[in-house]
N, C-alpha and C. Protein backbone atom coordinates (compact mmCIF):
# COMPACT_ATOMS: atom_id res chain seq x y z
N MET A 1 48.88 38.15 25.05
CA MET A 1 47.88 38.94 25.87
C MET A 1 48.09 40.38 25.45
N ILE A 2 46.94 41.04 25.41
CA ILE A 2 46.89 42.45 25.18
C ILE A 2 46.23 43.15 26.28
N MET A 3 46.81 44.24 26.79
CA MET A 3 46.18 44.87 27.96
C MET A 3 46.69 46.36 27.88
N ALA A 4 45.82 47.27 28.44
CA ALA A 4 46.18 48.59 28.71
C ALA A 4 46.32 48.82 30.12
N MET A 5 47.22 49.63 30.58
CA MET A 5 47.36 49.92 32.01
C MET A 5 47.84 51.31 32.19
N THR A 6 47.61 51.79 33.38
CA THR A 6 48.05 53.11 33.76
C THR A 6 49.60 53.04 34.00
N ALA A 7 50.20 54.21 34.11
CA ALA A 7 51.67 54.26 34.41
C ALA A 7 52.02 53.64 35.74
N ASP A 8 50.98 53.46 36.62
CA ASP A 8 51.23 52.78 37.96
C ASP A 8 50.78 51.31 37.90
N GLY A 9 50.54 50.74 36.76
CA GLY A 9 50.30 49.34 36.62
C GLY A 9 48.84 48.87 36.87
N ILE A 10 47.90 49.72 36.78
CA ILE A 10 46.45 49.44 37.06
C ILE A 10 45.70 49.22 35.69
N ILE A 11 44.89 48.11 35.62
CA ILE A 11 44.12 47.98 34.38
C ILE A 11 42.69 48.48 34.51
N ALA A 12 42.26 48.77 35.77
CA ALA A 12 40.92 49.36 36.01
C ALA A 12 40.82 49.64 37.46
N LYS A 13 39.99 50.57 37.87
CA LYS A 13 39.88 50.92 39.25
C LYS A 13 39.01 49.88 39.99
N ASN A 14 38.14 49.17 39.22
CA ASN A 14 37.46 48.05 39.77
C ASN A 14 36.92 47.18 38.59
N SER A 15 36.32 46.12 38.93
CA SER A 15 35.99 45.06 37.83
C SER A 15 34.82 45.58 37.03
N SER A 16 34.21 46.60 37.38
CA SER A 16 33.08 47.02 36.49
C SER A 16 33.39 48.29 35.70
N GLN A 17 34.63 48.80 35.81
CA GLN A 17 35.00 50.06 35.10
C GLN A 17 35.14 49.75 33.59
N LEU A 18 34.55 50.60 32.79
CA LEU A 18 34.63 50.57 31.36
C LEU A 18 36.14 50.92 30.96
N ALA A 19 36.40 50.49 29.77
CA ALA A 19 37.83 50.77 29.22
C ALA A 19 37.79 52.15 28.46
N ASP A 20 36.85 52.97 28.76
CA ASP A 20 36.74 54.28 28.10
C ASP A 20 37.90 55.25 28.57
N TRP A 21 38.64 54.82 29.45
CA TRP A 21 39.81 55.67 29.96
C TRP A 21 41.03 55.52 29.06
N THR A 22 41.04 54.52 28.20
CA THR A 22 42.24 54.33 27.32
C THR A 22 42.13 55.24 26.10
N SER A 23 43.27 55.47 25.53
CA SER A 23 43.38 56.45 24.42
C SER A 23 42.81 55.85 23.11
N ARG A 24 42.57 56.73 22.19
CA ARG A 24 42.20 56.40 20.87
C ARG A 24 43.29 55.57 20.14
N ALA A 25 44.50 55.92 20.40
CA ALA A 25 45.68 55.20 19.85
C ALA A 25 45.73 53.79 20.29
N ASP A 26 45.39 53.60 21.65
CA ASP A 26 45.35 52.18 22.15
C ASP A 26 44.13 51.42 21.53
N LYS A 27 43.00 52.01 21.45
CA LYS A 27 41.86 51.32 20.89
C LYS A 27 42.19 50.95 19.41
N LYS A 28 42.79 51.76 18.65
CA LYS A 28 43.15 51.51 17.22
C LYS A 28 44.11 50.30 17.19
N ALA A 29 45.12 50.26 18.10
CA ALA A 29 46.08 49.25 18.13
C ALA A 29 45.46 47.89 18.59
N PHE A 30 44.57 48.03 19.55
CA PHE A 30 43.80 46.76 20.04
C PHE A 30 42.98 46.18 18.92
N ILE A 31 42.21 47.03 18.18
CA ILE A 31 41.39 46.52 17.06
C ILE A 31 42.29 45.78 16.04
N ALA A 32 43.32 46.44 15.61
CA ALA A 32 44.22 45.84 14.56
C ALA A 32 44.83 44.58 15.07
N GLU A 33 45.29 44.48 16.30
CA GLU A 33 45.96 43.24 16.75
C GLU A 33 44.95 42.10 16.89
N THR A 34 43.73 42.33 17.52
CA THR A 34 42.81 41.33 17.63
C THR A 34 42.27 40.86 16.34
N LYS A 35 42.00 41.71 15.41
CA LYS A 35 41.50 41.31 14.08
C LYS A 35 42.52 40.48 13.31
N LYS A 36 43.82 40.85 13.55
CA LYS A 36 44.91 40.10 12.88
C LYS A 36 44.92 38.60 13.29
N HIS A 37 44.53 38.38 14.50
CA HIS A 37 44.57 36.97 15.02
C HIS A 37 43.26 36.31 14.81
N GLY A 38 42.22 37.08 14.77
CA GLY A 38 40.84 36.53 14.37
C GLY A 38 40.11 36.01 15.57
N VAL A 39 40.67 36.12 16.70
CA VAL A 39 39.93 35.60 17.92
C VAL A 39 40.45 36.36 19.18
N ILE A 40 39.53 36.73 20.04
CA ILE A 40 39.88 37.28 21.37
C ILE A 40 39.21 36.43 22.40
N ILE A 41 40.02 36.10 23.43
CA ILE A 41 39.55 35.36 24.53
C ILE A 41 39.42 36.30 25.69
N MET A 42 38.24 36.31 26.39
CA MET A 42 38.11 37.13 27.54
C MET A 42 37.18 36.51 28.61
N GLY A 43 37.16 37.05 29.79
CA GLY A 43 36.38 36.56 30.77
C GLY A 43 35.01 37.14 30.74
N GLN A 44 34.06 36.58 31.48
CA GLN A 44 32.70 37.06 31.47
C GLN A 44 32.58 38.58 32.01
N THR A 45 33.34 38.89 32.97
CA THR A 45 33.31 40.22 33.55
C THR A 45 33.80 41.27 32.55
N THR A 46 34.90 40.93 31.83
CA THR A 46 35.36 41.87 30.73
C THR A 46 34.31 41.96 29.66
N TYR A 47 33.72 40.82 29.21
CA TYR A 47 32.70 40.95 28.18
C TYR A 47 31.52 41.87 28.66
N ARG A 48 31.20 41.71 29.93
CA ARG A 48 30.03 42.51 30.49
C ARG A 48 30.43 44.05 30.44
N THR A 49 31.67 44.33 30.73
CA THR A 49 32.07 45.77 30.63
C THR A 49 32.02 46.35 29.19
N ILE A 50 32.31 45.49 28.20
CA ILE A 50 32.23 45.85 26.82
C ILE A 50 30.76 45.88 26.38
N GLY A 51 30.02 44.93 26.74
CA GLY A 51 28.59 44.87 26.47
C GLY A 51 28.13 44.36 25.19
N ARG A 52 28.97 44.02 24.30
CA ARG A 52 28.66 43.59 22.89
C ARG A 52 29.87 42.83 22.39
N PRO A 53 29.59 41.93 21.30
CA PRO A 53 30.74 41.36 20.69
C PRO A 53 31.55 42.30 19.88
N LEU A 54 32.89 42.11 19.82
CA LEU A 54 33.70 43.02 19.02
C LEU A 54 33.63 42.51 17.57
N PRO A 55 33.31 43.35 16.59
CA PRO A 55 33.13 42.84 15.25
C PRO A 55 34.38 42.39 14.59
N GLY A 56 34.25 41.53 13.61
CA GLY A 56 35.36 41.07 12.76
C GLY A 56 36.27 40.00 13.38
N ARG A 57 35.81 39.43 14.44
CA ARG A 57 36.68 38.37 15.13
C ARG A 57 35.79 37.50 16.00
N LEU A 58 36.20 36.33 16.30
CA LEU A 58 35.54 35.50 17.21
C LEU A 58 35.77 36.02 18.64
N ASN A 59 34.63 36.22 19.42
CA ASN A 59 34.74 36.62 20.78
C ASN A 59 34.43 35.40 21.57
N LEU A 60 35.46 34.80 22.23
CA LEU A 60 35.28 33.64 23.01
C LEU A 60 35.36 33.97 24.50
N ILE A 61 34.21 33.79 25.18
CA ILE A 61 34.05 34.39 26.57
C ILE A 61 34.09 33.19 27.47
N LEU A 62 34.94 33.27 28.39
CA LEU A 62 35.06 32.18 29.43
C LEU A 62 34.18 32.49 30.53
N THR A 63 33.32 31.53 30.93
CA THR A 63 32.33 31.72 31.96
C THR A 63 32.13 30.40 32.61
N LEU A 64 31.77 30.41 33.96
CA LEU A 64 31.31 29.24 34.65
C LEU A 64 29.92 28.84 34.41
N GLU A 65 29.17 29.77 33.74
CA GLU A 65 27.78 29.51 33.46
C GLU A 65 27.36 29.84 31.95
N PRO A 66 27.90 29.00 31.04
CA PRO A 66 27.58 29.24 29.58
C PRO A 66 26.11 29.11 29.26
N ASP A 67 25.40 28.37 30.05
CA ASP A 67 23.97 28.25 29.77
C ASP A 67 23.15 29.56 29.88
N LYS A 68 23.72 30.44 30.80
CA LYS A 68 23.00 31.65 30.90
C LYS A 68 23.06 32.60 29.65
N PHE A 69 23.94 32.18 28.79
CA PHE A 69 24.24 33.10 27.59
C PHE A 69 23.78 32.45 26.24
N VAL A 70 23.01 31.43 26.36
CA VAL A 70 22.56 30.70 25.13
C VAL A 70 21.83 31.66 24.09
N ALA A 71 21.00 32.49 24.64
CA ALA A 71 20.28 33.46 23.77
C ALA A 71 21.22 34.44 23.12
N ASP A 72 22.42 34.75 23.70
CA ASP A 72 23.31 35.73 23.20
C ASP A 72 24.27 35.12 22.19
N THR A 73 24.43 33.83 22.22
CA THR A 73 25.42 33.09 21.34
C THR A 73 25.18 33.34 19.87
N GLN A 74 26.29 33.70 19.22
CA GLN A 74 26.32 33.86 17.68
C GLN A 74 27.47 33.10 17.24
N PRO A 75 27.25 31.76 16.82
CA PRO A 75 28.40 31.00 16.33
C PRO A 75 29.29 31.67 15.45
N GLY A 76 30.65 31.56 15.81
CA GLY A 76 31.66 32.15 15.01
C GLY A 76 31.90 33.63 15.22
N VAL A 77 31.00 34.21 16.07
CA VAL A 77 31.09 35.65 16.42
C VAL A 77 31.22 35.84 17.89
N LEU A 78 30.33 35.29 18.72
CA LEU A 78 30.17 35.37 20.14
C LEU A 78 29.74 34.03 20.68
N GLU A 79 30.77 33.40 21.39
CA GLU A 79 30.56 32.06 21.94
C GLU A 79 31.01 32.15 23.44
N PHE A 80 30.32 31.35 24.26
CA PHE A 80 30.64 31.26 25.63
C PHE A 80 31.12 29.75 25.99
N PHE A 81 32.10 29.74 26.80
CA PHE A 81 32.85 28.47 26.99
C PHE A 81 33.15 28.30 28.40
N LYS A 82 32.99 27.07 28.95
CA LYS A 82 33.37 26.76 30.30
C LYS A 82 34.49 25.68 30.17
N GLY A 83 35.70 26.00 30.66
CA GLY A 83 36.79 25.12 30.63
C GLY A 83 38.11 25.74 31.02
N GLN A 84 39.13 24.88 31.03
CA GLN A 84 40.46 25.34 31.48
C GLN A 84 41.10 25.91 30.18
N PRO A 85 42.11 26.71 30.47
CA PRO A 85 42.83 27.36 29.38
C PRO A 85 43.28 26.35 28.29
N SER A 86 43.86 25.21 28.70
CA SER A 86 44.26 24.17 27.70
C SER A 86 43.19 23.75 26.89
N GLU A 87 41.91 23.66 27.39
CA GLU A 87 40.77 23.21 26.70
C GLU A 87 40.41 24.34 25.70
N VAL A 88 40.52 25.59 26.04
CA VAL A 88 40.25 26.69 25.13
C VAL A 88 41.24 26.54 23.86
N ILE A 89 42.37 26.33 24.18
CA ILE A 89 43.47 26.36 23.17
C ILE A 89 43.18 25.09 22.25
N ALA A 90 42.84 24.00 22.83
CA ALA A 90 42.46 22.85 22.02
C ALA A 90 41.26 23.06 21.02
N LEU A 91 40.25 23.76 21.62
CA LEU A 91 39.09 24.02 20.80
C LEU A 91 39.48 24.99 19.64
N LEU A 92 40.25 26.05 19.94
CA LEU A 92 40.67 26.92 18.80
C LEU A 92 41.59 26.27 17.84
N GLU A 93 42.47 25.39 18.19
CA GLU A 93 43.36 24.64 17.24
C GLU A 93 42.46 23.73 16.39
N GLN A 94 41.44 23.09 17.06
CA GLN A 94 40.55 22.25 16.36
C GLN A 94 39.82 23.04 15.21
N ARG A 95 39.56 24.16 15.41
CA ARG A 95 38.83 25.09 14.44
C ARG A 95 39.73 25.73 13.45
N GLY A 96 41.11 25.52 13.51
CA GLY A 96 42.08 26.02 12.62
C GLY A 96 42.76 27.28 12.95
N TYR A 97 42.52 27.77 14.15
CA TYR A 97 43.22 28.88 14.58
C TYR A 97 44.69 28.55 14.97
N THR A 98 45.59 29.41 14.60
CA THR A 98 47.02 29.25 15.00
C THR A 98 47.51 30.24 16.05
N SER A 99 46.73 31.19 16.31
CA SER A 99 47.06 32.17 17.36
C SER A 99 45.63 32.79 17.75
N ALA A 100 45.82 33.42 19.04
CA ALA A 100 44.66 34.10 19.61
C ALA A 100 45.15 35.18 20.50
N VAL A 101 44.31 36.13 20.80
CA VAL A 101 44.64 37.30 21.76
C VAL A 101 43.90 36.98 23.04
N LEU A 102 44.62 37.06 24.12
CA LEU A 102 43.96 37.06 25.48
C LEU A 102 43.73 38.48 25.88
N GLY A 103 42.47 38.74 26.06
CA GLY A 103 42.13 40.20 26.36
C GLY A 103 41.62 40.48 27.70
N GLY A 104 41.84 39.59 28.69
CA GLY A 104 41.39 39.90 30.07
C GLY A 104 40.12 39.27 30.45
N GLY A 105 39.82 39.53 31.57
CA GLY A 105 40.34 40.42 32.62
C GLY A 105 41.46 39.74 33.43
N ALA A 106 41.48 40.25 34.57
CA ALA A 106 42.58 39.87 35.54
C ALA A 106 42.61 38.31 35.91
N ARG A 107 41.47 37.83 36.22
CA ARG A 107 41.37 36.30 36.59
C ARG A 107 41.65 35.45 35.36
N THR A 108 41.09 35.87 34.20
CA THR A 108 41.38 35.08 32.93
C THR A 108 42.82 35.13 32.62
N ASN A 109 43.41 36.33 32.62
CA ASN A 109 44.81 36.44 32.42
C ASN A 109 45.67 35.54 33.30
N ALA A 110 45.35 35.48 34.61
CA ALA A 110 46.06 34.72 35.57
C ALA A 110 45.94 33.36 35.23
N MET A 111 44.80 32.86 34.91
CA MET A 111 44.60 31.39 34.60
C MET A 111 45.57 30.99 33.41
N PHE A 112 45.67 31.84 32.42
CA PHE A 112 46.43 31.46 31.29
C PHE A 112 47.97 31.62 31.55
N PHE A 113 48.32 32.56 32.47
CA PHE A 113 49.75 32.61 32.85
C PHE A 113 50.13 31.43 33.67
N GLU A 114 49.27 30.96 34.65
CA GLU A 114 49.52 29.81 35.43
C GLU A 114 49.61 28.56 34.67
N ALA A 115 48.92 28.53 33.49
CA ALA A 115 48.92 27.28 32.64
C ALA A 115 50.09 27.49 31.71
N LYS A 116 50.85 28.46 31.73
CA LYS A 116 51.99 28.74 30.84
C LYS A 116 51.60 28.80 29.33
N LEU A 117 50.44 29.45 29.07
CA LEU A 117 49.92 29.52 27.74
C LEU A 117 50.05 30.93 27.18
N VAL A 118 50.75 31.78 27.86
CA VAL A 118 50.89 33.11 27.25
C VAL A 118 52.43 33.21 26.75
N ASP A 119 52.48 33.54 25.48
CA ASP A 119 53.78 33.62 24.78
C ASP A 119 54.33 35.06 24.72
N GLU A 120 53.36 35.97 24.51
CA GLU A 120 53.78 37.41 24.29
C GLU A 120 52.79 38.34 25.01
N LEU A 121 53.29 39.47 25.39
CA LEU A 121 52.48 40.51 26.00
C LEU A 121 52.58 41.72 25.16
N LEU A 122 51.46 42.40 24.98
CA LEU A 122 51.40 43.72 24.36
C LEU A 122 50.75 44.59 25.43
N ILE A 123 51.45 45.45 25.97
CA ILE A 123 50.94 46.23 27.10
C ILE A 123 51.05 47.72 26.68
N THR A 124 49.85 48.29 26.61
CA THR A 124 49.81 49.80 26.41
C THR A 124 49.94 50.49 27.67
N VAL A 125 50.92 51.33 27.82
CA VAL A 125 51.06 52.09 29.06
C VAL A 125 50.46 53.48 28.76
N GLU A 126 49.43 53.79 29.49
CA GLU A 126 48.66 55.07 29.32
C GLU A 126 49.16 56.11 30.16
N PRO A 127 49.20 57.36 29.80
CA PRO A 127 49.74 58.48 30.66
C PRO A 127 48.62 58.79 31.79
N LYS A 128 48.44 57.97 32.65
CA LYS A 128 47.40 58.07 33.69
C LYS A 128 47.84 57.35 34.91
N ILE A 129 47.35 57.85 36.08
CA ILE A 129 47.63 57.18 37.35
C ILE A 129 46.34 57.03 38.12
N PHE A 130 45.98 55.78 38.54
CA PHE A 130 44.87 55.54 39.33
C PHE A 130 45.11 55.41 40.83
N GLY A 131 46.34 55.00 41.17
CA GLY A 131 46.62 54.80 42.57
C GLY A 131 46.25 53.47 43.16
N THR A 132 45.01 53.10 42.94
CA THR A 132 44.50 51.78 43.35
C THR A 132 43.72 51.20 42.33
N GLY A 133 43.53 49.88 42.41
CA GLY A 133 42.74 49.13 41.42
C GLY A 133 43.29 47.80 41.15
N LEU A 134 42.86 47.21 39.90
CA LEU A 134 43.26 45.87 39.64
C LEU A 134 44.51 45.85 38.72
N ASN A 135 45.42 44.87 39.09
CA ASN A 135 46.55 44.74 38.15
C ASN A 135 46.12 43.62 37.14
N PHE A 136 46.94 43.31 36.13
CA PHE A 136 46.42 42.43 35.14
C PHE A 136 46.42 40.99 35.43
N THR A 137 46.85 40.57 36.58
CA THR A 137 46.70 39.15 37.00
C THR A 137 46.05 39.01 38.37
N GLU A 138 45.39 40.06 38.85
CA GLU A 138 44.73 40.05 40.15
C GLU A 138 45.47 39.51 41.21
N GLY A 139 46.70 39.88 41.42
CA GLY A 139 47.53 39.49 42.51
C GLY A 139 47.99 38.02 42.62
N VAL A 140 47.78 37.33 41.57
CA VAL A 140 48.25 35.89 41.53
C VAL A 140 49.74 35.82 41.60
N ASP A 141 50.34 34.98 42.47
CA ASP A 141 51.76 34.80 42.62
C ASP A 141 52.41 34.22 41.37
N LEU A 142 53.08 35.01 40.64
CA LEU A 142 53.84 34.51 39.47
C LEU A 142 55.25 34.96 39.51
N ASP A 143 56.11 34.21 38.79
CA ASP A 143 57.47 34.59 38.65
C ASP A 143 57.96 34.30 37.24
N LEU A 144 57.58 35.24 36.35
CA LEU A 144 57.90 35.04 34.93
C LEU A 144 58.99 36.06 34.55
N ASN A 145 59.78 35.70 33.59
CA ASN A 145 60.87 36.56 33.08
C ASN A 145 60.35 36.85 31.68
N LEU A 146 60.65 38.18 31.28
CA LEU A 146 60.25 38.59 29.98
C LEU A 146 61.45 39.17 29.22
N LYS A 147 61.31 39.12 27.86
CA LYS A 147 62.31 39.81 27.00
C LYS A 147 61.61 40.84 26.17
N LEU A 148 62.12 42.02 26.28
CA LEU A 148 61.55 43.12 25.54
C LEU A 148 61.87 43.08 24.15
N HIS A 149 60.81 43.10 23.23
CA HIS A 149 61.07 43.06 21.83
C HIS A 149 61.01 44.48 21.25
N SER A 150 60.06 45.34 21.78
CA SER A 150 60.01 46.70 21.28
C SER A 150 59.22 47.57 22.28
N ALA A 151 59.46 48.78 22.12
CA ALA A 151 58.73 49.84 22.92
C ALA A 151 58.30 50.90 21.79
N LYS A 152 57.07 51.12 21.56
CA LYS A 152 56.63 52.04 20.49
C LYS A 152 55.72 53.07 20.86
N MET A 153 55.98 54.34 20.63
CA MET A 153 55.02 55.37 20.87
C MET A 153 53.89 55.23 19.85
N ILE A 154 52.65 55.26 20.32
CA ILE A 154 51.58 55.00 19.43
C ILE A 154 50.70 56.30 19.28
N GLY A 155 51.03 57.31 19.93
CA GLY A 155 50.23 58.57 19.90
C GLY A 155 49.49 58.68 21.26
N ASP A 156 48.89 59.92 21.43
CA ASP A 156 48.20 60.17 22.64
C ASP A 156 48.96 59.97 23.88
N ASP A 157 50.27 60.15 23.71
CA ASP A 157 51.31 59.97 24.85
C ASP A 157 51.29 58.51 25.40
N ALA A 158 50.85 57.55 24.65
CA ALA A 158 50.75 56.11 25.07
C ALA A 158 51.94 55.40 24.42
N VAL A 159 52.37 54.32 25.10
CA VAL A 159 53.46 53.49 24.56
C VAL A 159 52.99 52.01 24.63
N ILE A 160 53.35 51.24 23.56
CA ILE A 160 53.08 49.88 23.59
C ILE A 160 54.42 49.11 23.84
N LEU A 161 54.44 48.29 24.89
CA LEU A 161 55.60 47.46 25.22
C LEU A 161 55.27 46.03 24.69
N HIS A 162 56.17 45.55 23.91
CA HIS A 162 55.93 44.14 23.41
C HIS A 162 56.98 43.25 23.98
N TYR A 163 56.52 42.36 24.75
CA TYR A 163 57.38 41.43 25.51
C TYR A 163 57.15 39.91 25.07
N GLU A 164 58.19 39.10 25.14
CA GLU A 164 58.12 37.70 25.01
C GLU A 164 58.27 37.09 26.35
N VAL A 165 57.43 36.09 26.68
CA VAL A 165 57.58 35.39 27.96
C VAL A 165 58.63 34.32 27.75
N ILE A 166 59.69 34.35 28.58
CA ILE A 166 60.76 33.44 28.47
C ILE A 166 60.36 32.14 29.23
N LYS A 167 60.38 31.05 28.43
CA LYS A 167 59.94 29.78 29.04
C LYS A 167 61.07 28.84 29.28
């Protein structure tokens, strides 16, 4: 999972907020990480805030209504899928992917955490405070333990925390 959050743990003020509040350093790290894996999984709301497929990787969008997006579908670039997290992983494995990046939003992240399908977290902590808003699992009751692998300054006063989920 890759996410940017404020110093007070918020990923967005609301579900329609664009990610334009994150730093250039975060955007650069996000692009490199998602291209390295070749696929990014995100929910419909996150996709709508981006508004376009991210180039150079498969954008797999989870939605309850994939038929609404038939005209937007670009096989291998932008695909829409209805299913459980385990079905997403099975589909990607069937296509030869060995890893993927989960890129949100909060409900999609929560589904993958609940299914115990998140192995690592890359969290960019931005030098910003929103006070209120969404956290990265939308308040789902979880009890996960993490092991810190690294904390790295990436520029623009932002830090990437790399955690492993202890299973």
